[in-house]
Every structure is written in structure tokens, then in C-alpha cells.
N, C-alpha and C. Protein backbone atom coordinates (compact mmCIF):
# COMPACT_ATOMS: atom_id res chain seq x y z
N UNK A 1 165.77 69.19 92.65
CA UNK A 1 164.51 69.32 91.97
C UNK A 1 164.31 70.78 91.54
N UNK A 2 164.02 71.02 90.26
CA UNK A 2 163.83 72.40 89.79
C UNK A 2 162.64 73.06 90.49
N UNK A 3 162.79 74.34 90.72
CA UNK A 3 161.72 75.11 91.35
C UNK A 3 161.03 75.99 90.32
N UNK A 4 159.76 76.27 90.59
CA UNK A 4 159.02 77.27 89.82
C UNK A 4 159.14 78.57 90.61
N UNK A 5 159.78 79.56 89.98
CA UNK A 5 160.05 80.83 90.65
C UNK A 5 159.27 81.95 89.98
N UNK A 6 158.62 82.76 90.79
CA UNK A 6 157.97 83.97 90.31
C UNK A 6 158.81 85.16 90.76
N UNK A 7 159.25 85.95 89.80
CA UNK A 7 160.01 87.16 90.09
C UNK A 7 159.09 88.35 89.86
N UNK A 8 158.81 89.10 90.93
CA UNK A 8 157.88 90.23 90.86
C UNK A 8 158.68 91.53 90.87
N UNK A 9 158.59 92.29 89.80
CA UNK A 9 159.19 93.62 89.76
C UNK A 9 158.07 94.62 89.97
N UNK A 10 158.17 95.43 91.03
CA UNK A 10 157.09 96.36 91.35
C UNK A 10 157.46 97.82 91.10
N UNK A 11 158.70 98.08 90.76
CA UNK A 11 159.09 99.45 90.41
C UNK A 11 160.23 99.40 89.40
N UNK A 12 160.36 100.47 88.66
CA UNK A 12 161.45 100.54 87.70
C UNK A 12 162.73 100.91 88.44
N UNK A 13 163.84 100.62 87.82
CA UNK A 13 165.15 100.94 88.40
C UNK A 13 165.30 102.45 88.47
N UNK A 14 165.89 102.93 89.54
CA UNK A 14 166.11 104.38 89.68
C UNK A 14 167.38 104.62 90.48
N UNK A 15 168.05 105.71 90.14
CA UNK A 15 169.26 106.07 90.86
C UNK A 15 170.39 105.07 90.71
N UNK A 16 170.48 104.45 89.57
CA UNK A 16 171.45 103.39 89.35
C UNK A 16 172.18 103.65 88.04
N UNK A 17 173.49 103.57 88.04
CA UNK A 17 174.25 103.79 86.81
C UNK A 17 174.46 102.51 86.01
N UNK A 18 173.90 101.40 86.48
CA UNK A 18 173.97 100.15 85.72
C UNK A 18 173.09 100.27 84.47
N UNK A 19 173.37 99.43 83.48
CA UNK A 19 172.60 99.53 82.24
C UNK A 19 171.44 98.54 82.18
N UNK A 20 171.10 97.93 83.30
CA UNK A 20 169.98 96.99 83.32
C UNK A 20 169.41 96.94 84.74
N UNK A 21 168.14 96.63 84.84
CA UNK A 21 167.48 96.46 86.13
C UNK A 21 168.00 95.16 86.76
N UNK A 22 168.47 95.22 87.99
CA UNK A 22 169.07 94.05 88.64
C UNK A 22 168.07 92.91 88.80
N UNK A 23 166.81 93.22 89.09
CA UNK A 23 165.79 92.18 89.21
C UNK A 23 165.53 91.49 87.89
N UNK A 24 165.49 92.26 86.83
CA UNK A 24 165.30 91.70 85.49
C UNK A 24 166.52 90.87 85.09
N UNK A 25 167.70 91.38 85.38
CA UNK A 25 168.95 90.69 85.06
C UNK A 25 169.04 89.36 85.81
N UNK A 26 168.77 89.38 87.11
CA UNK A 26 168.84 88.15 87.92
C UNK A 26 167.81 87.13 87.45
N UNK A 27 166.64 87.59 87.10
CA UNK A 27 165.57 86.69 86.65
C UNK A 27 165.96 85.98 85.36
N UNK A 28 166.68 86.67 84.50
CA UNK A 28 167.07 86.10 83.22
C UNK A 28 167.99 84.90 83.36
N UNK A 29 168.69 84.80 84.49
CA UNK A 29 169.65 83.71 84.67
C UNK A 29 169.10 82.51 85.42
N UNK A 30 167.91 82.59 85.98
CA UNK A 30 167.34 81.46 86.73
C UNK A 30 167.22 80.19 85.90
N UNK A 31 166.82 80.27 84.62
CA UNK A 31 166.72 79.03 83.84
C UNK A 31 168.05 78.29 83.68
N UNK A 32 169.17 79.00 83.76
CA UNK A 32 170.48 78.37 83.65
C UNK A 32 170.68 77.34 84.77
N UNK A 33 170.06 77.58 85.91
CA UNK A 33 170.18 76.68 87.06
C UNK A 33 169.16 75.54 87.01
N UNK A 34 168.37 75.51 85.93
CA UNK A 34 167.37 74.46 85.79
C UNK A 34 166.02 74.81 86.38
N UNK A 35 165.90 76.01 86.91
CA UNK A 35 164.62 76.43 87.49
C UNK A 35 163.74 77.08 86.43
N UNK A 36 162.44 77.02 86.65
CA UNK A 36 161.48 77.63 85.74
C UNK A 36 161.11 79.00 86.29
N UNK A 37 161.39 80.04 85.52
CA UNK A 37 161.16 81.42 85.96
C UNK A 37 159.96 82.02 85.23
N UNK A 38 159.19 82.80 85.96
CA UNK A 38 158.12 83.62 85.41
C UNK A 38 158.32 85.02 85.97
N UNK A 39 158.12 86.03 85.14
CA UNK A 39 158.31 87.42 85.55
C UNK A 39 156.95 88.12 85.59
N UNK A 40 156.67 88.80 86.69
CA UNK A 40 155.44 89.58 86.82
C UNK A 40 155.80 91.04 87.03
N UNK A 41 155.30 91.89 86.15
CA UNK A 41 155.50 93.33 86.25
C UNK A 41 154.26 93.94 86.90
N UNK A 42 154.46 94.62 88.02
CA UNK A 42 153.34 95.24 88.72
C UNK A 42 153.69 96.69 89.04
N UNK A 43 152.68 97.43 89.50
CA UNK A 43 152.86 98.84 89.86
C UNK A 43 153.65 99.56 88.76
N UNK A 44 154.66 100.35 89.12
CA UNK A 44 155.41 101.13 88.14
C UNK A 44 156.23 100.31 87.17
N UNK A 45 156.54 99.08 87.51
CA UNK A 45 157.36 98.24 86.62
C UNK A 45 156.61 97.80 85.37
N UNK A 46 155.28 98.00 85.31
CA UNK A 46 154.56 97.67 84.07
C UNK A 46 155.09 98.51 82.91
N UNK A 47 155.72 99.65 83.23
CA UNK A 47 156.28 100.50 82.18
C UNK A 47 157.38 99.78 81.40
N UNK A 48 158.03 98.78 81.98
CA UNK A 48 159.04 98.02 81.25
C UNK A 48 158.45 97.30 80.04
N UNK A 49 157.17 97.02 80.06
CA UNK A 49 156.54 96.26 78.98
C UNK A 49 156.11 97.12 77.80
N UNK A 50 156.24 98.43 77.91
CA UNK A 50 155.79 99.33 76.85
C UNK A 50 156.74 99.26 75.66
N UNK A 51 156.15 99.06 74.50
CA UNK A 51 156.89 98.94 73.25
C UNK A 51 157.55 100.27 72.86
N UNK A 52 158.75 100.21 72.27
CA UNK A 52 159.38 101.36 71.65
C UNK A 52 160.15 102.29 72.57
N UNK A 53 160.50 101.85 73.75
CA UNK A 53 161.24 102.71 74.67
C UNK A 53 162.73 102.70 74.36
N UNK A 54 163.37 103.82 74.60
CA UNK A 54 164.81 103.94 74.38
C UNK A 54 165.39 104.73 75.55
N UNK A 55 166.21 104.08 76.34
CA UNK A 55 166.78 104.73 77.51
C UNK A 55 168.18 105.25 77.29
N UNK A 56 168.64 105.30 76.04
CA UNK A 56 169.98 105.83 75.80
C UNK A 56 169.98 107.34 76.05
N UNK A 57 171.11 107.86 76.45
CA UNK A 57 171.21 109.29 76.71
C UNK A 57 170.79 109.68 78.11
N UNK A 58 170.50 108.70 78.97
CA UNK A 58 170.09 108.97 80.34
C UNK A 58 171.31 109.37 81.16
N UNK A 59 171.17 110.44 81.95
CA UNK A 59 172.24 110.83 82.86
C UNK A 59 171.70 110.87 84.28
N UNK A 60 172.54 110.48 85.22
CA UNK A 60 172.20 110.53 86.64
C UNK A 60 173.33 111.24 87.34
N UNK A 61 173.02 112.33 88.02
CA UNK A 61 174.01 113.14 88.74
C UNK A 61 175.18 113.51 87.83
N UNK A 62 174.87 113.82 86.58
CA UNK A 62 175.88 114.23 85.62
C UNK A 62 176.63 113.10 84.95
N UNK A 63 176.39 111.86 85.38
CA UNK A 63 177.04 110.70 84.77
C UNK A 63 176.12 110.01 83.78
N UNK A 64 176.62 109.74 82.59
CA UNK A 64 175.82 109.07 81.57
C UNK A 64 175.77 107.58 81.84
N UNK A 65 174.58 107.02 81.77
CA UNK A 65 174.40 105.58 81.93
C UNK A 65 174.84 104.93 80.63
N UNK A 66 175.81 104.02 80.71
CA UNK A 66 176.35 103.37 79.52
C UNK A 66 176.03 101.90 79.53
N UNK A 67 175.67 101.28 78.44
CA UNK A 67 175.41 101.90 77.14
C UNK A 67 174.03 102.55 77.07
N UNK A 68 173.32 102.57 78.15
CA UNK A 68 171.97 103.12 78.15
C UNK A 68 170.98 102.00 78.35
N UNK A 69 169.89 102.31 78.98
CA UNK A 69 168.86 101.30 79.20
C UNK A 69 168.25 100.88 77.88
N UNK A 70 168.31 99.62 77.58
CA UNK A 70 167.71 99.05 76.38
C UNK A 70 166.51 98.23 76.84
N UNK A 71 165.52 98.93 77.34
CA UNK A 71 164.41 98.31 78.05
C UNK A 71 163.71 97.24 77.22
N UNK A 72 163.32 97.59 76.01
CA UNK A 72 162.60 96.63 75.17
C UNK A 72 163.48 95.42 74.86
N UNK A 73 164.73 95.65 74.55
CA UNK A 73 165.66 94.56 74.24
C UNK A 73 165.86 93.66 75.46
N UNK A 74 165.98 94.26 76.65
CA UNK A 74 166.15 93.46 77.87
C UNK A 74 164.95 92.55 78.10
N UNK A 75 163.76 93.08 77.93
CA UNK A 75 162.56 92.28 78.16
C UNK A 75 162.41 91.19 77.10
N UNK A 76 162.75 91.51 75.86
CA UNK A 76 162.69 90.49 74.81
C UNK A 76 163.72 89.39 75.06
N UNK A 77 164.87 89.74 75.60
CA UNK A 77 165.89 88.73 75.93
C UNK A 77 165.37 87.77 77.00
N UNK A 78 164.64 88.31 77.96
CA UNK A 78 164.03 87.47 79.00
C UNK A 78 163.05 86.50 78.35
N UNK A 79 162.22 86.99 77.44
CA UNK A 79 161.27 86.11 76.76
C UNK A 79 161.99 85.08 75.90
N UNK A 80 163.08 85.47 75.26
CA UNK A 80 163.86 84.53 74.44
C UNK A 80 164.43 83.40 75.29
N UNK A 81 164.64 83.65 76.59
CA UNK A 81 165.14 82.63 77.52
C UNK A 81 164.00 81.75 78.04
N UNK A 82 162.85 81.83 77.39
CA UNK A 82 161.67 81.01 77.73
C UNK A 82 161.09 81.39 79.10
N UNK A 83 161.20 82.66 79.44
CA UNK A 83 160.61 83.18 80.67
C UNK A 83 159.32 83.90 80.30
N UNK A 84 158.21 83.44 80.83
CA UNK A 84 156.93 84.10 80.58
C UNK A 84 156.90 85.43 81.32
N UNK A 85 156.36 86.45 80.66
CA UNK A 85 156.26 87.78 81.26
C UNK A 85 154.79 88.17 81.34
N UNK A 86 154.38 88.58 82.54
CA UNK A 86 153.01 89.03 82.80
C UNK A 86 153.05 90.48 83.27
N UNK A 87 151.97 91.21 83.00
CA UNK A 87 151.79 92.56 83.54
C UNK A 87 150.40 92.64 84.16
N UNK A 88 150.30 93.35 85.28
CA UNK A 88 149.02 93.48 85.98
C UNK A 88 148.14 94.49 85.23
N UNK A 89 146.97 94.01 84.82
CA UNK A 89 146.04 94.79 84.00
C UNK A 89 145.68 96.13 84.63
N UNK A 90 145.30 96.12 85.89
CA UNK A 90 144.86 97.35 86.55
C UNK A 90 146.01 98.36 86.69
N UNK A 91 147.24 97.87 86.85
CA UNK A 91 148.39 98.77 86.94
C UNK A 91 148.68 99.41 85.59
N UNK A 92 148.45 98.66 84.51
CA UNK A 92 148.57 99.22 83.16
C UNK A 92 147.52 100.31 82.96
N UNK A 93 146.27 99.97 83.27
CA UNK A 93 145.16 100.91 83.07
C UNK A 93 145.36 102.19 83.88
N UNK A 94 145.88 102.06 85.08
CA UNK A 94 146.13 103.22 85.95
C UNK A 94 147.11 104.20 85.29
N UNK A 95 147.94 103.69 84.39
CA UNK A 95 148.93 104.51 83.69
C UNK A 95 148.50 104.83 82.26
N UNK A 96 147.25 104.54 81.92
CA UNK A 96 146.73 104.83 80.59
C UNK A 96 147.25 103.90 79.52
N UNK A 97 147.68 102.71 79.92
CA UNK A 97 148.24 101.73 78.98
C UNK A 97 147.27 100.59 78.75
N UNK A 98 147.38 99.99 77.57
CA UNK A 98 146.57 98.81 77.25
C UNK A 98 147.47 97.76 76.61
N UNK A 99 146.91 96.62 76.34
CA UNK A 99 147.68 95.53 75.73
C UNK A 99 148.29 95.95 74.39
N UNK A 100 147.64 96.86 73.68
CA UNK A 100 148.15 97.34 72.39
C UNK A 100 149.49 98.08 72.52
N UNK A 101 149.76 98.62 73.70
CA UNK A 101 150.99 99.39 73.93
C UNK A 101 152.19 98.51 74.28
N UNK A 102 151.97 97.23 74.47
CA UNK A 102 152.99 96.36 75.04
C UNK A 102 153.82 95.61 74.00
N UNK A 103 154.99 95.21 74.43
CA UNK A 103 155.86 94.34 73.64
C UNK A 103 155.12 93.03 73.40
N UNK A 104 155.27 92.47 72.22
CA UNK A 104 154.62 91.20 71.91
C UNK A 104 155.00 90.13 72.93
N UNK A 105 154.02 89.32 73.28
CA UNK A 105 154.27 88.18 74.16
C UNK A 105 154.00 88.44 75.63
N UNK A 106 153.81 89.70 76.02
CA UNK A 106 153.50 90.00 77.43
C UNK A 106 152.05 89.61 77.69
N UNK A 107 151.85 88.81 78.73
CA UNK A 107 150.51 88.34 79.08
C UNK A 107 149.93 89.24 80.16
N UNK A 108 148.60 89.30 80.21
CA UNK A 108 147.91 90.17 81.17
C UNK A 108 147.36 89.34 82.32
N UNK A 109 147.54 89.85 83.54
CA UNK A 109 147.01 89.21 84.74
C UNK A 109 146.16 90.23 85.49
N UNK A 110 144.93 89.85 85.81
CA UNK A 110 144.05 90.72 86.60
C UNK A 110 144.40 90.58 88.08
N UNK A 111 144.24 91.67 88.83
CA UNK A 111 144.59 91.66 90.25
C UNK A 111 143.82 90.59 91.02
N UNK A 112 142.57 90.35 90.64
CA UNK A 112 141.79 89.35 91.39
C UNK A 112 142.24 87.92 91.09
N UNK A 113 143.14 87.74 90.13
CA UNK A 113 143.71 86.42 89.82
C UNK A 113 145.07 86.21 90.51
N UNK A 114 145.57 87.27 91.15
CA UNK A 114 146.93 87.26 91.69
C UNK A 114 147.17 86.16 92.72
N UNK A 115 146.29 86.01 93.69
CA UNK A 115 146.48 85.01 94.75
C UNK A 115 146.60 83.60 94.20
N UNK A 116 145.69 83.24 93.32
CA UNK A 116 145.72 81.90 92.72
C UNK A 116 146.98 81.73 91.85
N UNK A 117 147.35 82.79 91.16
CA UNK A 117 148.54 82.77 90.30
C UNK A 117 149.80 82.51 91.13
N UNK A 118 149.96 83.23 92.24
CA UNK A 118 151.14 83.09 93.10
C UNK A 118 151.23 81.68 93.69
N UNK A 119 150.10 81.07 93.97
CA UNK A 119 150.09 79.72 94.55
C UNK A 119 150.71 78.67 93.63
N UNK A 120 150.87 78.98 92.35
CA UNK A 120 151.46 78.04 91.39
C UNK A 120 152.98 77.92 91.54
N UNK A 121 153.59 78.78 92.36
CA UNK A 121 155.05 78.87 92.43
C UNK A 121 155.59 78.36 93.76
N UNK A 122 156.81 77.83 93.72
CA UNK A 122 157.50 77.36 94.92
C UNK A 122 158.14 78.52 95.68
N UNK A 123 158.61 79.50 94.93
CA UNK A 123 159.36 80.62 95.49
C UNK A 123 158.93 81.90 94.80
N UNK A 124 158.86 83.00 95.57
CA UNK A 124 158.55 84.31 95.00
C UNK A 124 159.68 85.27 95.35
N UNK A 125 160.25 85.88 94.34
CA UNK A 125 161.25 86.94 94.53
C UNK A 125 160.53 88.26 94.36
N UNK A 126 160.78 89.20 95.24
CA UNK A 126 160.15 90.51 95.15
C UNK A 126 161.24 91.58 95.05
N UNK A 127 161.21 92.34 93.99
CA UNK A 127 162.24 93.36 93.75
C UNK A 127 161.63 94.73 93.92
């Protein structure tokens, strides 16, 4: 029986030479197994939803991340896989961001709606 899975990303990837966030990458493949995935960006991970980012040219400890973080493309690929993407409103506001700053299709969730929202899922992944 397919499960409804909520994947919560609470921080951006750091200290990693991979070209994608592992939580985002893993979440993108859940529908292949027949499960229904939803992605929630909270805390610092709401930055993934900001339109127009380009992570190419990033170096860590002198090593260049190849091909470079394609943050907007990665998030759009998740949406193309029929994965709904939400961002926590208060976490956006704390960073001076609003819905106007976000990639199209990202939905807003208020913190006081979080408990009821989580109850809709069979499994929660926390990254």
C-alpha cells in the first residue's frame, strides 16, 4: 500500500562536495516506489525556494563543487515529479522573504498549521 510521506528539510546542505542536497535528492525518488511525497522547507532550508539562485562556482576547502548547485532547477525537478513543495511562512519572514521571492508553485504553510498538516502523513522524514 502506498504511503504518504512528508520530507522535512530544515537546513541547507553544507560542507558537502555533492552537487545536490541529499534530502532533496532522496525525496525526488519516492514517487518511483509508488509513494506520495510532499516536501516541507523549514528553518534555513526555506532558502532553497528563493527564485534566481545560482550555486555554480562554489568551492569548499579549495575544491570546486561540480557541476555546481543548481538550486532552482533541483526544486523545479521535484515539482515536475508531482511532489508538492511547502515553505514555512514564519521562517521565510524571519529571513526577509515573501511569497513574491519564491519559485512558482511553492505553497505557504503557517507554523500554527504544522501539527494538523503532519497528521496527514504516514511517515515523516527529517533531514
